[in-house]
Structures are given as C-alpha cells and as structure tokens.
C-alpha cells in the first residue's frame, strides 16, 4: 500500500516544504509542496536508510555563516 505524502512536524503547516511518501516496494519519493505534481527524487530503501541515518548523525549540518 502506498502511504500518503507527509512532511515534517517541524514544518509547522508551512506550504514551502519537502514532502515524502513510501511506495509499496519500499522506495521513497520526495517532492516540493509548492509543485505537488512533480516527484523530484526517488530513493531505494537502502539509499533512504543511509540518507536518514546521515541526517540523524549531523552529516548534512551547515556551518554557521560568519
């Protein structure tokens, strides 16, 4: 079963967000909420697991600008 599109609870209802959904085959699709008819990316289950693990570990944190 395909899951509905969802966005982070940190978005606070904003309309300018990244949304994701899981497909029946375990792949995850990602889109921008301002253009909901366009799927921007699709990740395999392994790619999504690696990406979310990296986010949790802070691998994509930006350095504060000086």
N, C-alpha and C. Protein backbone atom coordinates (compact mmCIF):
# COMPACT_ATOMS: atom_id res chain seq x y z
N UNK A 1 0.84 -1.19 0.00
CA UNK A 1 0.00 0.00 0.00
C UNK A 1 0.88 1.25 0.00
N UNK A 2 0.53 2.21 -0.79
CA UNK A 2 1.25 3.47 -0.89
C UNK A 2 0.83 4.37 0.28
N UNK A 3 1.80 4.95 0.95
CA UNK A 3 1.50 5.90 2.02
C UNK A 3 1.26 7.27 1.42
N UNK A 4 0.40 8.04 2.09
CA UNK A 4 0.14 9.41 1.65
C UNK A 4 1.38 10.27 1.83
N UNK A 5 1.41 11.37 1.09
CA UNK A 5 2.50 12.33 1.22
C UNK A 5 2.49 12.90 2.63
N UNK A 6 3.65 13.06 3.20
CA UNK A 6 3.77 13.64 4.54
C UNK A 6 4.94 14.60 4.59
N UNK A 7 4.89 15.48 5.57
CA UNK A 7 6.01 16.40 5.77
C UNK A 7 6.34 16.44 7.25
N UNK A 8 7.49 16.96 7.55
CA UNK A 8 7.98 17.00 8.91
C UNK A 8 7.05 17.80 9.83
N UNK A 9 6.95 17.34 11.05
CA UNK A 9 6.18 18.10 12.04
C UNK A 9 6.86 19.43 12.34
N UNK A 10 8.13 19.57 11.98
CA UNK A 10 8.85 20.83 12.18
C UNK A 10 8.44 21.90 11.16
N UNK A 11 7.67 21.53 10.14
CA UNK A 11 7.27 22.49 9.11
C UNK A 11 6.20 23.46 9.61
N UNK A 12 5.53 23.12 10.70
CA UNK A 12 4.51 23.98 11.30
C UNK A 12 3.43 24.40 10.30
N UNK A 13 3.05 23.50 9.40
CA UNK A 13 1.99 23.78 8.46
C UNK A 13 2.38 24.67 7.30
N UNK A 14 3.65 24.97 7.15
CA UNK A 14 4.12 25.83 6.06
C UNK A 14 3.83 25.18 4.71
N UNK A 15 3.65 25.98 3.69
CA UNK A 15 3.36 25.49 2.34
C UNK A 15 4.61 25.41 1.47
N UNK A 16 5.77 25.61 2.05
CA UNK A 16 7.02 25.61 1.31
C UNK A 16 7.92 24.53 1.92
N UNK A 17 7.53 23.26 1.73
CA UNK A 17 8.17 22.16 2.43
C UNK A 17 8.54 21.02 1.48
N UNK A 18 9.39 20.17 1.98
CA UNK A 18 9.71 18.92 1.31
C UNK A 18 8.73 17.88 1.86
N UNK A 19 8.15 17.09 0.96
CA UNK A 19 7.23 16.03 1.36
C UNK A 19 7.78 14.70 0.86
N UNK A 20 7.45 13.63 1.58
CA UNK A 20 7.92 12.30 1.20
C UNK A 20 6.80 11.29 1.38
N UNK A 21 6.91 10.19 0.61
CA UNK A 21 5.98 9.08 0.79
C UNK A 21 6.71 7.80 0.44
N UNK A 22 6.26 6.71 1.07
CA UNK A 22 6.82 5.39 0.81
C UNK A 22 5.93 4.65 -0.17
N UNK A 23 6.55 4.00 -1.15
CA UNK A 23 5.84 3.21 -2.15
C UNK A 23 5.74 1.76 -1.68
N UNK A 24 4.86 0.96 -2.28
CA UNK A 24 4.71 -0.44 -1.87
C UNK A 24 6.02 -1.24 -1.95
N UNK A 25 6.91 -0.87 -2.86
CA UNK A 25 8.18 -1.61 -3.00
C UNK A 25 9.24 -1.13 -2.02
N UNK A 26 8.89 -0.21 -1.12
CA UNK A 26 9.82 0.29 -0.12
C UNK A 26 10.60 1.52 -0.54
N UNK A 27 10.51 1.90 -1.82
CA UNK A 27 11.17 3.12 -2.29
C UNK A 27 10.47 4.34 -1.68
N UNK A 28 11.21 5.45 -1.60
CA UNK A 28 10.66 6.68 -1.04
C UNK A 28 10.76 7.77 -2.10
N UNK A 29 9.64 8.44 -2.35
CA UNK A 29 9.63 9.57 -3.28
C UNK A 29 9.62 10.87 -2.49
N UNK A 30 10.26 11.89 -3.06
CA UNK A 30 10.37 13.20 -2.42
C UNK A 30 9.91 14.26 -3.42
N UNK A 31 9.14 15.23 -2.95
CA UNK A 31 8.68 16.34 -3.79
C UNK A 31 8.67 17.62 -2.98
N UNK A 32 8.45 18.73 -3.68
CA UNK A 32 8.31 20.04 -3.04
C UNK A 32 6.82 20.36 -2.96
N UNK A 33 6.36 20.81 -1.81
CA UNK A 33 4.92 21.05 -1.62
C UNK A 33 4.36 22.14 -2.53
N UNK A 34 5.21 23.03 -3.03
CA UNK A 34 4.72 24.08 -3.92
C UNK A 34 4.46 23.57 -5.33
N UNK A 35 5.01 22.40 -5.68
CA UNK A 35 4.81 21.81 -7.00
C UNK A 35 4.48 20.33 -6.82
N UNK A 36 3.31 20.02 -6.27
CA UNK A 36 2.99 18.65 -5.87
C UNK A 36 2.82 17.66 -7.02
N UNK A 37 2.75 18.13 -8.25
CA UNK A 37 2.59 17.20 -9.37
C UNK A 37 3.93 16.66 -9.88
N UNK A 38 5.03 17.14 -9.31
CA UNK A 38 6.35 16.73 -9.77
C UNK A 38 7.09 16.01 -8.65
N UNK A 39 7.44 14.74 -8.90
CA UNK A 39 8.28 13.99 -7.97
C UNK A 39 9.73 14.34 -8.31
N UNK A 40 10.44 14.91 -7.35
CA UNK A 40 11.80 15.36 -7.60
C UNK A 40 12.83 14.25 -7.55
N UNK A 41 12.65 13.34 -6.60
CA UNK A 41 13.62 12.26 -6.40
C UNK A 41 12.92 11.00 -5.95
N UNK A 42 13.57 9.87 -6.21
CA UNK A 42 13.09 8.60 -5.68
C UNK A 42 14.30 7.83 -5.17
N UNK A 43 14.20 7.34 -3.94
CA UNK A 43 15.28 6.62 -3.29
C UNK A 43 14.92 5.16 -3.10
N UNK A 44 15.90 4.28 -3.27
CA UNK A 44 15.70 2.87 -2.90
C UNK A 44 15.64 2.80 -1.37
N UNK A 45 15.15 1.69 -0.83
CA UNK A 45 15.13 1.57 0.64
C UNK A 45 16.52 1.77 1.26
N UNK A 46 17.55 1.21 0.66
CA UNK A 46 18.90 1.36 1.19
C UNK A 46 19.40 2.79 1.13
N UNK A 47 19.11 3.47 0.04
CA UNK A 47 19.51 4.88 -0.09
C UNK A 47 18.81 5.74 0.95
N UNK A 48 17.51 5.50 1.16
CA UNK A 48 16.75 6.29 2.12
C UNK A 48 17.26 6.04 3.54
N UNK A 49 17.56 4.79 3.86
CA UNK A 49 18.11 4.46 5.18
C UNK A 49 19.44 5.16 5.40
N UNK A 50 20.31 5.15 4.40
CA UNK A 50 21.60 5.82 4.52
C UNK A 50 21.42 7.32 4.67
N UNK A 51 20.52 7.91 3.88
CA UNK A 51 20.28 9.36 3.95
C UNK A 51 19.76 9.76 5.32
N UNK A 52 18.72 9.08 5.81
CA UNK A 52 18.13 9.47 7.09
C UNK A 52 19.11 9.22 8.24
N UNK A 53 19.94 8.20 8.14
CA UNK A 53 20.97 7.97 9.16
C UNK A 53 21.97 9.13 9.16
N UNK A 54 22.34 9.61 7.97
CA UNK A 54 23.25 10.74 7.86
C UNK A 54 22.66 12.00 8.45
N UNK A 55 21.37 12.23 8.22
CA UNK A 55 20.70 13.40 8.80
C UNK A 55 20.73 13.30 10.32
N UNK A 56 20.39 12.13 10.84
CA UNK A 56 20.38 11.96 12.30
C UNK A 56 21.76 12.14 12.91
N UNK A 57 22.80 11.79 12.17
CA UNK A 57 24.18 11.91 12.66
C UNK A 57 24.77 13.30 12.43
N UNK A 58 24.02 14.20 11.82
CA UNK A 58 24.50 15.56 11.61
C UNK A 58 25.43 15.72 10.42
N UNK A 59 25.49 14.74 9.52
CA UNK A 59 26.40 14.80 8.39
C UNK A 59 26.08 15.93 7.40
N UNK A 60 24.85 16.43 7.43
CA UNK A 60 24.46 17.46 6.48
C UNK A 60 24.25 18.82 7.15
N UNK A 61 24.64 18.93 8.41
CA UNK A 61 24.50 20.21 9.11
C UNK A 61 25.38 21.26 8.44
N UNK A 62 24.84 22.43 8.27
CA UNK A 62 25.59 23.53 7.68
C UNK A 62 26.36 24.27 8.75
N UNK A 63 27.53 24.70 8.40
CA UNK A 63 28.32 25.53 9.30
C UNK A 63 27.66 26.90 9.42
N UNK A 64 27.66 27.49 10.61
CA UNK A 64 27.09 28.84 10.73
C UNK A 64 27.87 29.82 9.87
N UNK A 65 27.17 30.70 9.19
CA UNK A 65 27.86 31.70 8.37
C UNK A 65 28.46 32.77 9.27
N UNK A 66 29.59 33.27 8.83
CA UNK A 66 30.31 34.26 9.65
C UNK A 66 29.91 35.66 9.28
